[in-house]
């Protein structure tokens, strides 16, 4: 999950700033303030990649802090560990009332 969603998402988000470059066949950035729509403006490759990196870092910080808060709330409300006796007996029996393996 981490390798696909986090690492792949980070690489994809940064690569978006690279692959949109008109010199690489991308569409560039449109100037939406132009009424006729013919002015695509100039594409600043480095500035766009830096903007993508800043957005990725902001997303990582936002999701990291949010996850830490949720983690702590769950820990305080229901706890994160099962009792040691339940863990020794097996969670399939104690939580679900059935055996996962017959041995």
PDB file of N, CA and C in Angstrom:
ATOM      1  N   UNK A   1       0.823  -1.185   0.000  1.00  0.00           N
ATOM      2  CA  UNK A   1       0.000   0.000   0.000  1.00  0.00           C
ATOM      3  C   UNK A   1       0.870   1.252   0.000  1.00  0.00           C
ATOM      4  N   UNK A   2       1.875   1.293   0.871  1.00  0.00           N
ATOM      5  CA  UNK A   2       2.720   2.483   0.957  1.00  0.00           C
ATOM      6  C   UNK A   2       3.477   2.712  -0.345  1.00  0.00           C
ATOM      7  N   UNK A   3       4.038   1.633  -0.889  1.00  0.00           N
ATOM      8  CA  UNK A   3       4.818   1.751  -2.120  1.00  0.00           C
ATOM      9  C   UNK A   3       3.993   2.235  -3.296  1.00  0.00           C
ATOM     10  N   UNK A   4       2.750   1.817  -3.360  1.00  0.00           N
ATOM     11  CA  UNK A   4       1.898   2.209  -4.485  1.00  0.00           C
ATOM     12  C   UNK A   4       1.326   3.608  -4.279  1.00  0.00           C
ATOM     13  N   UNK A   5       0.697   3.830  -3.137  1.00  0.00           N
ATOM     14  CA  UNK A   5      -0.028   5.075  -2.955  1.00  0.00           C
ATOM     15  C   UNK A   5       0.854   6.243  -2.548  1.00  0.00           C
ATOM     16  N   UNK A   6       1.818   6.026  -1.690  1.00  0.00           N
ATOM     17  CA  UNK A   6       2.671   7.135  -1.260  1.00  0.00           C
ATOM     18  C   UNK A   6       3.802   7.372  -2.251  1.00  0.00           C
ATOM     19  N   UNK A   7       4.626   6.374  -2.461  1.00  0.00           N
ATOM     20  CA  UNK A   7       5.779   6.557  -3.344  1.00  0.00           C
ATOM     21  C   UNK A   7       5.317   6.825  -4.774  1.00  0.00           C
ATOM     22  N   UNK A   8       4.379   6.037  -5.263  1.00  0.00           N
ATOM     23  CA  UNK A   8       3.863   6.256  -6.613  1.00  0.00           C
ATOM     24  C   UNK A   8       3.176   7.602  -6.764  1.00  0.00           C
ATOM     25  N   UNK A   9       2.437   8.017  -5.739  1.00  0.00           N
ATOM     26  CA  UNK A   9       1.765   9.314  -5.780  1.00  0.00           C
ATOM     27  C   UNK A   9       2.746  10.471  -5.786  1.00  0.00           C
ATOM     28  N   UNK A  10       3.803  10.367  -4.978  1.00  0.00           N
ATOM     29  CA  UNK A  10       4.821  11.413  -4.933  1.00  0.00           C
ATOM     30  C   UNK A  10       5.529  11.515  -6.281  1.00  0.00           C
ATOM     31  N   UNK A  11       5.933  10.391  -6.831  1.00  0.00           N
ATOM     32  CA  UNK A  11       6.628  10.396  -8.120  1.00  0.00           C
ATOM     33  C   UNK A  11       5.700  10.926  -9.216  1.00  0.00           C
ATOM     34  N   UNK A  12       4.459  10.493  -9.202  1.00  0.00           N
ATOM     35  CA  UNK A  12       3.502  10.949 -10.214  1.00  0.00           C
ATOM     36  C   UNK A  12       3.205  12.429 -10.119  1.00  0.00           C
ATOM     37  N   UNK A  13       3.068  12.942  -8.905  1.00  0.00           N
ATOM     38  CA  UNK A  13       2.780  14.366  -8.734  1.00  0.00           C
ATOM     39  C   UNK A  13       3.952  15.226  -9.200  1.00  0.00           C
ATOM     40  N   UNK A  14       5.154  14.824  -8.886  1.00  0.00           N
ATOM     41  CA  UNK A  14       6.329  15.581  -9.324  1.00  0.00           C
ATOM     42  C   UNK A  14       6.510  15.440 -10.836  1.00  0.00           C
ATOM     43  N   UNK A  15       6.267  14.246 -11.347  1.00  0.00           N
ATOM     44  CA  UNK A  15       6.403  14.022 -12.794  1.00  0.00           C
ATOM     45  C   UNK A  15       5.384  14.822 -13.589  1.00  0.00           C
ATOM     46  N   UNK A  16       4.260  15.163 -12.994  1.00  0.00           N
ATOM     47  CA  UNK A  16       3.270  15.992 -13.681  1.00  0.00           C
ATOM     48  C   UNK A  16       3.868  17.334 -14.070  1.00  0.00           C
ATOM     49  N   UNK A  17       4.668  17.922 -13.165  1.00  0.00           N
ATOM     50  CA  UNK A  17       5.324  19.189 -13.478  1.00  0.00           C
ATOM     51  C   UNK A  17       6.347  19.055 -14.586  1.00  0.00           C
ATOM     52  N   UNK A  18       6.897  17.872 -14.735  1.00  0.00           N
ATOM     53  CA  UNK A  18       7.890  17.635 -15.792  1.00  0.00           C
ATOM     54  C   UNK A  18       7.191  17.356 -17.124  1.00  0.00           C
ATOM     55  N   UNK A  19       6.210  16.471 -17.101  1.00  0.00           N
ATOM     56  CA  UNK A  19       5.593  16.000 -18.341  1.00  0.00           C
ATOM     57  C   UNK A  19       4.647  17.002 -18.987  1.00  0.00           C
ATOM     58  N   UNK A  20       4.256  18.047 -18.282  1.00  0.00           N
ATOM     59  CA  UNK A  20       3.386  19.057 -18.875  1.00  0.00           C
ATOM     60  C   UNK A  20       4.185  20.072 -19.704  1.00  0.00           C
ATOM     61  N   UNK A  21       5.492  19.989 -19.663  1.00  0.00           N
ATOM     62  CA  UNK A  21       6.351  20.917 -20.410  1.00  0.00           C
ATOM     63  C   UNK A  21       6.117  20.786 -21.910  1.00  0.00           C
ATOM     64  N   UNK A  22       5.868  21.888 -22.593  1.00  0.00           N
ATOM     65  CA  UNK A  22       5.653  21.831 -24.044  1.00  0.00           C
ATOM     66  C   UNK A  22       6.857  21.270 -24.802  1.00  0.00           C
ATOM     67  N   UNK A  23       8.060  21.461 -24.280  1.00  0.00           N
ATOM     68  CA  UNK A  23       9.247  20.929 -24.959  1.00  0.00           C
ATOM     69  C   UNK A  23       9.286  19.404 -24.930  1.00  0.00           C
ATOM     70  N   UNK A  24       8.518  18.801 -24.036  1.00  0.00           N
ATOM     71  CA  UNK A  24       8.453  17.342 -23.960  1.00  0.00           C
ATOM     72  C   UNK A  24       7.147  16.796 -24.534  1.00  0.00           C
ATOM     73  N   UNK A  25       6.388  17.665 -25.191  1.00  0.00           N
ATOM     74  CA  UNK A  25       5.130  17.232 -25.803  1.00  0.00           C
ATOM     75  C   UNK A  25       3.919  17.477 -24.939  1.00  0.00           C
ATOM     76  N   UNK A  26       4.101  18.128 -23.794  1.00  0.00           N
ATOM     77  CA  UNK A  26       2.976  18.441 -22.915  1.00  0.00           C
ATOM     78  C   UNK A  26       2.196  19.641 -23.405  1.00  0.00           C
ATOM     79  N   UNK A  27       1.100  19.943 -22.742  1.00  0.00           N
ATOM     80  CA  UNK A  27       0.235  21.039 -23.162  1.00  0.00           C
ATOM     81  C   UNK A  27       0.649  22.376 -22.566  1.00  0.00           C
ATOM     82  N   UNK A  28       1.548  22.382 -21.597  1.00  0.00           N
ATOM     83  CA  UNK A  28       1.947  23.627 -20.969  1.00  0.00           C
ATOM     84  C   UNK A  28       0.862  24.137 -20.048  1.00  0.00           C
ATOM     85  N   UNK A  29       0.942  25.391 -19.701  1.00  0.00           N
ATOM     86  CA  UNK A  29      -0.046  25.999 -18.820  1.00  0.00           C
ATOM     87  C   UNK A  29      -0.812  27.052 -19.588  1.00  0.00           C
ATOM     88  N   UNK A  30      -2.116  27.033 -19.482  1.00  0.00           N
ATOM     89  CA  UNK A  30      -2.949  28.002 -20.180  1.00  0.00           C
ATOM     90  C   UNK A  30      -3.169  29.215 -19.297  1.00  0.00           C
ATOM     91  N   UNK A  31      -3.116  30.377 -19.893  1.00  0.00           N
ATOM     92  CA  UNK A  31      -3.430  31.616 -19.189  1.00  0.00           C
ATOM     93  C   UNK A  31      -4.938  31.821 -19.278  1.00  0.00           C
ATOM     94  N   UNK A  32      -5.648  31.489 -18.236  1.00  0.00           N
ATOM     95  CA  UNK A  32      -7.104  31.539 -18.269  1.00  0.00           C
ATOM     96  C   UNK A  32      -7.650  32.956 -18.174  1.00  0.00           C
ATOM     97  N   UNK A  33      -6.780  33.942 -17.944  1.00  0.00           N
ATOM     98  CA  UNK A  33      -7.249  35.324 -17.909  1.00  0.00           C
ATOM     99  C   UNK A  33      -7.384  35.892 -19.319  1.00  0.00           C
ATOM    100  N   UNK A  34      -6.831  35.239 -20.314  1.00  0.00           N
ATOM    101  CA  UNK A  34      -6.908  35.700 -21.695  1.00  0.00           C
ATOM    102  C   UNK A  34      -8.286  35.368 -22.252  1.00  0.00           C
ATOM    103  N   UNK A  35      -8.973  36.353 -22.746  1.00  0.00           N
ATOM    104  CA  UNK A  35     -10.342  36.164 -23.224  1.00  0.00           C
ATOM    105  C   UNK A  35     -10.375  35.306 -24.490  1.00  0.00           C
ATOM    106  N   UNK A  36      -9.443  35.511 -25.381  1.00  0.00           N
ATOM    107  CA  UNK A  36      -9.466  34.761 -26.645  1.00  0.00           C
ATOM    108  C   UNK A  36      -8.966  33.331 -26.483  1.00  0.00           C
ATOM    109  N   UNK A  37      -8.207  33.060 -25.442  1.00  0.00           N
ATOM    110  CA  UNK A  37      -7.731  31.705 -25.198  1.00  0.00           C
ATOM    111  C   UNK A  37      -6.545  31.307 -26.041  1.00  0.00           C
ATOM    112  N   UNK A  38      -5.950  32.250 -26.776  1.00  0.00           N
ATOM    113  CA  UNK A  38      -4.819  31.916 -27.642  1.00  0.00           C
ATOM    114  C   UNK A  38      -3.475  32.082 -26.948  1.00  0.00           C
ATOM    115  N   UNK A  39      -3.452  32.665 -25.783  1.00  0.00           N
ATOM    116  CA  UNK A  39      -2.191  32.939 -25.098  1.00  0.00           C
ATOM    117  C   UNK A  39      -1.905  31.823 -24.108  1.00  0.00           C
ATOM    118  N   UNK A  40      -1.030  30.933 -24.475  1.00  0.00           N
ATOM    119  CA  UNK A  40      -0.666  29.841 -23.573  1.00  0.00           C
ATOM    120  C   UNK A  40       0.401  30.277 -22.588  1.00  0.00           C
ATOM    121  N   UNK A  41       0.992  31.427 -22.798  1.00  0.00           N
ATOM    122  CA  UNK A  41       2.007  31.930 -21.877  1.00  0.00           C
ATOM    123  C   UNK A  41       3.305  31.155 -22.016  1.00  0.00           C
ATOM    124  N   UNK A  42       4.256  31.498 -21.181  1.00  0.00           N
ATOM    125  CA  UNK A  42       5.531  30.790 -21.189  1.00  0.00           C
ATOM    126  C   UNK A  42       5.535  29.788 -20.053  1.00  0.00           C
ATOM    127  N   UNK A  43       6.178  28.691 -20.280  1.00  0.00           N
ATOM    128  CA  UNK A  43       6.230  27.625 -19.280  1.00  0.00           C
ATOM    129  C   UNK A  43       7.570  27.669 -18.568  1.00  0.00           C
ATOM    130  N   UNK A  44       7.544  27.875 -17.260  1.00  0.00           N
ATOM    131  CA  UNK A  44       8.757  27.888 -16.443  1.00  0.00           C
ATOM    132  C   UNK A  44       8.926  26.502 -15.835  1.00  0.00           C
ATOM    133  N   UNK A  45       9.762  25.694 -16.459  1.00  0.00           N
ATOM    134  CA  UNK A  45       9.946  24.291 -16.081  1.00  0.00           C
ATOM    135  C   UNK A  45      10.340  24.149 -14.611  1.00  0.00           C
ATOM    136  N   UNK A  46      11.402  24.821 -14.204  1.00  0.00           N
ATOM    137  CA  UNK A  46      11.887  24.706 -12.827  1.00  0.00           C
ATOM    138  C   UNK A  46      10.877  25.187 -11.803  1.00  0.00           C
ATOM    139  N   UNK A  47      10.211  26.300 -12.104  1.00  0.00           N
ATOM    140  CA  UNK A  47       9.218  26.845 -11.177  1.00  0.00           C
ATOM    141  C   UNK A  47       8.051  25.880 -10.991  1.00  0.00           C
ATOM    142  N   UNK A  48       7.627  25.238 -12.066  1.00  0.00           N
ATOM    143  CA  UNK A  48       6.514  24.293 -11.961  1.00  0.00           C
ATOM    144  C   UNK A  48       6.903  23.055 -11.164  1.00  0.00           C
ATOM    145  N   UNK A  49       8.094  22.536 -11.380  1.00  0.00           N
ATOM    146  CA  UNK A  49       8.542  21.362 -10.631  1.00  0.00           C
ATOM    147  C   UNK A  49       8.669  21.709  -9.140  1.00  0.00           C
ATOM    148  N   UNK A  50       9.183  22.888  -8.839  1.00  0.00           N
ATOM    149  CA  UNK A  50       9.273  23.313  -7.437  1.00  0.00           C
ATOM    150  C   UNK A  50       7.879  23.441  -6.830  1.00  0.00           C
ATOM    151  N   UNK A  51       6.925  23.969  -7.590  1.00  0.00           N
ATOM    152  CA  UNK A  51       5.544  24.059  -7.098  1.00  0.00           C
ATOM    153  C   UNK A  51       4.966  22.676  -6.812  1.00  0.00           C
ATOM    154  N   UNK A  52       5.258  21.711  -7.671  1.00  0.00           N
ATOM    155  CA  UNK A  52       4.782  20.346  -7.461  1.00  0.00           C
ATOM    156  C   UNK A  52       5.417  19.743  -6.202  1.00  0.00           C
ATOM    157  N   UNK A  53       6.705  19.982  -5.991  1.00  0.00           N
ATOM    158  CA  UNK A  53       7.391  19.454  -4.803  1.00  0.00           C
ATOM    159  C   UNK A  53       6.824  20.072  -3.537  1.00  0.00           C
ATOM    160  N   UNK A  54       6.558  21.383  -3.556  1.00  0.00           N
ATOM    161  CA  UNK A  54       5.968  22.051  -2.388  1.00  0.00           C
ATOM    162  C   UNK A  54       4.585  21.471  -2.099  1.00  0.00           C
ATOM    163  N   UNK A  55       3.797  21.221  -3.144  1.00  0.00           N
ATOM    164  CA  UNK A  55       2.469  20.636  -2.957  1.00  0.00           C
ATOM    165  C   UNK A  55       2.560  19.228  -2.379  1.00  0.00           C
ATOM    166  N   UNK A  56       3.527  18.444  -2.839  1.00  0.00           N
ATOM    167  CA  UNK A  56       3.721  17.090  -2.305  1.00  0.00           C
ATOM    168  C   UNK A  56       4.112  17.150  -0.832  1.00  0.00           C
ATOM    169  N   UNK A  57       5.034  18.033  -0.475  1.00  0.00           N
ATOM    170  CA  UNK A  57       5.445  18.163   0.921  1.00  0.00           C
ATOM    171  C   UNK A  57       4.291  18.615   1.805  1.00  0.00           C
ATOM    172  N   UNK A  58       3.490  19.563   1.321  1.00  0.00           N
ATOM    173  CA  UNK A  58       2.326  20.013   2.087  1.00  0.00           C
ATOM    174  C   UNK A  58       1.337  18.869   2.298  1.00  0.00           C
ATOM    175  N   UNK A  59       1.137  18.059   1.274  1.00  0.00           N
ATOM    176  CA  UNK A  59       0.228  16.916   1.385  1.00  0.00           C
ATOM    177  C   UNK A  59       0.756  15.886   2.381  1.00  0.00           C
ATOM    178  N   UNK A  60       2.063  15.604   2.337  1.00  0.00           N
ATOM    179  CA  UNK A  60       2.651  14.647   3.278  1.00  0.00           C
ATOM    180  C   UNK A  60       2.543  15.132   4.719  1.00  0.00           C
ATOM    181  N   UNK A  61       2.788  16.415   4.940  1.00  0.00           N
ATOM    182  CA  UNK A  61       2.679  16.970   6.293  1.00  0.00           C
ATOM    183  C   UNK A  61       1.227  16.934   6.761  1.00  0.00           C
ATOM    184  N   UNK A  62       0.305  17.359   5.901  1.00  0.00           N
ATOM    185  CA  UNK A  62      -1.120  17.380   6.250  1.00  0.00           C
ATOM    186  C   UNK A  62      -1.615  15.969   6.601  1.00  0.00           C
ATOM    187  N   UNK A  63      -1.308  15.003   5.758  1.00  0.00           N
ATOM    188  CA  UNK A  63      -1.795  13.647   6.014  1.00  0.00           C
ATOM    189  C   UNK A  63      -1.068  13.003   7.191  1.00  0.00           C
ATOM    190  N   UNK A  64       0.207  13.326   7.391  1.00  0.00           N
ATOM    191  CA  UNK A  64       0.943  12.781   8.535  1.00  0.00           C
ATOM    192  C   UNK A  64       0.412  13.294   9.860  1.00  0.00           C
ATOM    193  N   UNK A  65       0.179  14.601   9.941  1.00  0.00           N
ATOM    194  CA  UNK A  65      -0.359  15.185  11.179  1.00  0.00           C
ATOM    195  C   UNK A  65      -1.783  14.691  11.419  1.00  0.00           C
ATOM    196  N   UNK A  66      -2.594  14.656  10.358  1.00  0.00           N
ATOM    197  CA  UNK A  66      -3.969  14.161  10.499  1.00  0.00           C
ATOM    198  C   UNK A  66      -4.014  12.708  10.944  1.00  0.00           C
ATOM    199  N   UNK A  67      -3.148  11.886  10.387  1.00  0.00           N
ATOM    200  CA  UNK A  67      -3.099  10.470  10.775  1.00  0.00           C
ATOM    201  C   UNK A  67      -2.637  10.303  12.215  1.00  0.00           C
ATOM    202  N   UNK A  68      -1.672  11.113  12.642  1.00  0.00           N
ATOM    203  CA  UNK A  68      -1.205  11.036  14.030  1.00  0.00           C
ATOM    204  C   UNK A  68      -2.311  11.408  15.001  1.00  0.00           C
ATOM    205  N   UNK A  69      -3.106  12.409  14.660  1.00  0.00           N
ATOM    206  CA  UNK A  69      -4.227  12.810  15.520  1.00  0.00           C
ATOM    207  C   UNK A  69      -5.261  11.693  15.588  1.00  0.00           C
ATOM    208  N   UNK A  70      -5.623  11.127  14.441  1.00  0.00           N
ATOM    209  CA  UNK A  70      -6.601  10.032  14.425  1.00  0.00           C
ATOM    210  C   UNK A  70      -6.072   8.829  15.201  1.00  0.00           C
ATOM    211  N   UNK A  71      -4.803   8.512  15.018  1.00  0.00           N
ATOM    212  CA  UNK A  71      -4.158   7.406  15.731  1.00  0.00           C
ATOM    213  C   UNK A  71      -4.283   7.597  17.243  1.00  0.00           C
ATOM    214  N   UNK A  72      -4.004   8.796  17.729  1.00  0.00           N
ATOM    215  CA  UNK A  72      -4.054   9.068  19.167  1.00  0.00           C
ATOM    216  C   UNK A  72      -5.484   9.007  19.688  1.00  0.00           C
ATOM    217  N   UNK A  73      -6.442   9.521  18.921  1.00  0.00           N
ATOM    218  CA  UNK A  73      -7.849   9.476  19.345  1.00  0.00           C
ATOM    219  C   UNK A  73      -8.316   8.026  19.458  1.00  0.00           C
ATOM    220  N   UNK A  74      -7.985   7.211  18.471  1.00  0.00           N
ATOM    221  CA  UNK A  74      -8.365   5.789  18.523  1.00  0.00           C
ATOM    222  C   UNK A  74      -7.703   5.110  19.715  1.00  0.00           C
ATOM    223  N   UNK A  75      -6.444   5.435  19.973  1.00  0.00           N
ATOM    224  CA  UNK A  75      -5.737   4.855  21.117  1.00  0.00           C
ATOM    225  C   UNK A  75      -6.435   5.218  22.422  1.00  0.00           C
ATOM    226  N   UNK A  76      -6.877   6.449  22.566  1.00  0.00           N
ATOM    227  CA  UNK A  76      -7.539   6.882  23.792  1.00  0.00           C
ATOM    228  C   UNK A  76      -8.948   6.315  23.927  1.00  0.00           C
ATOM    229  N   UNK A  77      -9.659   6.145  22.822  1.00  0.00           N
ATOM    230  CA  UNK A  77     -11.057   5.709  22.875  1.00  0.00           C
ATOM    231  C   UNK A  77     -11.174   4.197  23.016  1.00  0.00           C
ATOM    232  N   UNK A  78     -10.547   3.426  22.140  1.00  0.00           N
ATOM    233  CA  UNK A  78     -10.714   1.977  22.161  1.00  0.00           C
ATOM    234  C   UNK A  78      -9.422   1.220  22.404  1.00  0.00           C
ATOM    235  N   UNK A  79      -8.300   1.875  22.303  1.00  0.00           N
ATOM    236  CA  UNK A  79      -7.019   1.199  22.467  1.00  0.00           C
ATOM    237  C   UNK A  79      -6.541   0.584  21.165  1.00  0.00           C
ATOM    238  N   UNK A  80      -5.257   0.406  21.079  1.00  0.00           N
ATOM    239  CA  UNK A  80      -4.670  -0.117  19.848  1.00  0.00           C
ATOM    240  C   UNK A  80      -4.261  -1.577  19.949  1.00  0.00           C
ATOM    241  N   UNK A  81      -4.200  -2.119  21.150  1.00  0.00           N
ATOM    242  CA  UNK A  81      -3.791  -3.512  21.339  1.00  0.00           C
ATOM    243  C   UNK A  81      -4.927  -4.310  21.953  1.00  0.00           C
ATOM    244  N   UNK A  82      -4.972  -5.571  21.614  1.00  0.00           N
ATOM    245  CA  UNK A  82      -5.914  -6.484  22.265  1.00  0.00           C
ATOM    246  C   UNK A  82      -5.253  -6.993  23.541  1.00  0.00           C
ATOM    247  N   UNK A  83      -6.030  -7.527  24.482  1.00  0.00           N
ATOM    248  CA  UNK A  83      -5.417  -8.104  25.680  1.00  0.00           C
ATOM    249  C   UNK A  83      -4.463  -9.242  25.324  1.00  0.00           C
ATOM    250  N   UNK A  84      -3.443  -9.429  26.148  1.00  0.00           N
ATOM    251  CA  UNK A  84      -2.417 -10.444  25.877  1.00  0.00           C
ATOM    252  C   UNK A  84      -3.021 -11.850  25.816  1.00  0.00           C
ATOM    253  N   UNK A  85      -4.010 -12.146  26.679  1.00  0.00           N
ATOM    254  CA  UNK A  85      -4.644 -13.472  26.654  1.00  0.00           C
ATOM    255  C   UNK A  85      -5.354 -13.725  25.321  1.00  0.00           C
ATOM    256  N   UNK A  86      -6.034 -12.724  24.812  1.00  0.00           N
ATOM    257  CA  UNK A  86      -6.720 -12.871  23.521  1.00  0.00           C
ATOM    258  C   UNK A  86      -5.724 -13.088  22.399  1.00  0.00           C
ATOM    259  N   UNK A  87      -4.598 -12.399  22.468  1.00  0.00           N
ATOM    260  CA  UNK A  87      -3.580 -12.540  21.438  1.00  0.00           C
ATOM    261  C   UNK A  87      -2.946 -13.925  21.475  1.00  0.00           C
ATOM    262  N   UNK A  88      -2.728 -14.450  22.667  1.00  0.00           N
ATOM    263  CA  UNK A  88      -2.152 -15.787  22.798  1.00  0.00           C
ATOM    264  C   UNK A  88      -3.103 -16.865  22.284  1.00  0.00           C
ATOM    265  N   UNK A  89      -4.387 -16.712  22.604  1.00  0.00           N
ATOM    266  CA  UNK A  89      -5.375 -17.706  22.168  1.00  0.00           C
ATOM    267  C   UNK A  89      -5.610 -17.620  20.664  1.00  0.00           C
ATOM    268  N   UNK A  90      -5.525 -16.445  20.128  1.00  0.00           N
ATOM    269  CA  UNK A  90      -5.741 -16.244  18.692  1.00  0.00           C
ATOM    270  C   UNK A  90      -6.936 -15.344  18.460  1.00  0.00           C
ATOM    271  N   UNK A  91      -6.757 -14.332  17.663  1.00  0.00           N
ATOM    272  CA  UNK A  91      -7.828 -13.363  17.450  1.00  0.00           C
ATOM    273  C   UNK A  91      -8.974 -13.930  16.630  1.00  0.00           C
ATOM    274  N   UNK A  92      -8.709 -14.973  15.844  1.00  0.00           N
ATOM    275  CA  UNK A  92      -9.803 -15.580  15.104  1.00  0.00           C
ATOM    276  C   UNK A  92     -10.831 -16.181  16.060  1.00  0.00           C
ATOM    277  N   UNK A  93     -10.379 -16.753  17.170  1.00  0.00           N
ATOM    278  CA  UNK A  93     -11.296 -17.355  18.146  1.00  0.00           C
ATOM    279  C   UNK A  93     -11.924 -16.283  19.021  1.00  0.00           C
ATOM    280  N   UNK A  94     -11.114 -15.383  19.563  1.00  0.00           N
ATOM    281  CA  UNK A  94     -11.631 -14.405  20.523  1.00  0.00           C
ATOM    282  C   UNK A  94     -12.476 -13.314  19.879  1.00  0.00           C
ATOM    283  N   UNK A  95     -12.148 -12.893  18.670  1.00  0.00           N
ATOM    284  CA  UNK A  95     -12.914 -11.823  18.023  1.00  0.00           C
ATOM    285  C   UNK A  95     -14.025 -12.346  17.117  1.00  0.00           C
ATOM    286  N   UNK A  96     -13.761 -13.451  16.422  1.00  0.00           N
ATOM    287  CA  UNK A  96     -14.718 -13.934  15.442  1.00  0.00           C
ATOM    288  C   UNK A  96     -15.451 -15.214  15.857  1.00  0.00           C
ATOM    289  N   UNK A  97     -14.957 -15.874  16.892  1.00  0.00           N
ATOM    290  CA  UNK A  97     -15.619 -17.075  17.376  1.00  0.00           C
ATOM    291  C   UNK A  97     -15.441 -18.283  16.475  1.00  0.00           C
ATOM    292  N   UNK A  98     -14.403 -18.330  15.692  1.00  0.00           N
ATOM    293  CA  UNK A  98     -14.145 -19.472  14.816  1.00  0.00           C
ATOM    294  C   UNK A  98     -12.649 -19.641  14.636  1.00  0.00           C
ATOM    295  N   UNK A  99     -12.252 -20.850  14.283  1.00  0.00           N
ATOM    296  CA  UNK A  99     -10.840 -21.133  14.046  1.00  0.00           C
ATOM    297  C   UNK A  99     -10.516 -20.919  12.570  1.00  0.00           C
ATOM    298  N   UNK A 100      -9.402 -20.265  12.327  1.00  0.00           N
ATOM    299  CA  UNK A 100      -8.984 -20.026  10.940  1.00  0.00           C
ATOM    300  C   UNK A 100      -8.287 -21.247  10.369  1.00  0.00           C
ATOM    301  N   UNK A 101      -7.611 -22.024  11.216  1.00  0.00           N
ATOM    302  CA  UNK A 101      -6.847 -23.179  10.758  1.00  0.00           C
ATOM    303  C   UNK A 101      -7.174 -24.361  11.639  1.00  0.00           C
ATOM    304  N   UNK A 102      -7.277 -25.516  11.031  1.00  0.00           N
ATOM    305  CA  UNK A 102      -7.527 -26.743  11.777  1.00  0.00           C
ATOM    306  C   UNK A 102      -6.217 -27.496  11.929  1.00  0.00           C
ATOM    307  N   UNK A 103      -5.611 -27.399  13.085  1.00  0.00           N
ATOM    308  CA  UNK A 103      -4.399 -28.154  13.384  1.00  0.00           C
ATOM    309  C   UNK A 103      -4.330 -28.454  14.851  1.00  0.00           C
TER     310      UNK A 103
END
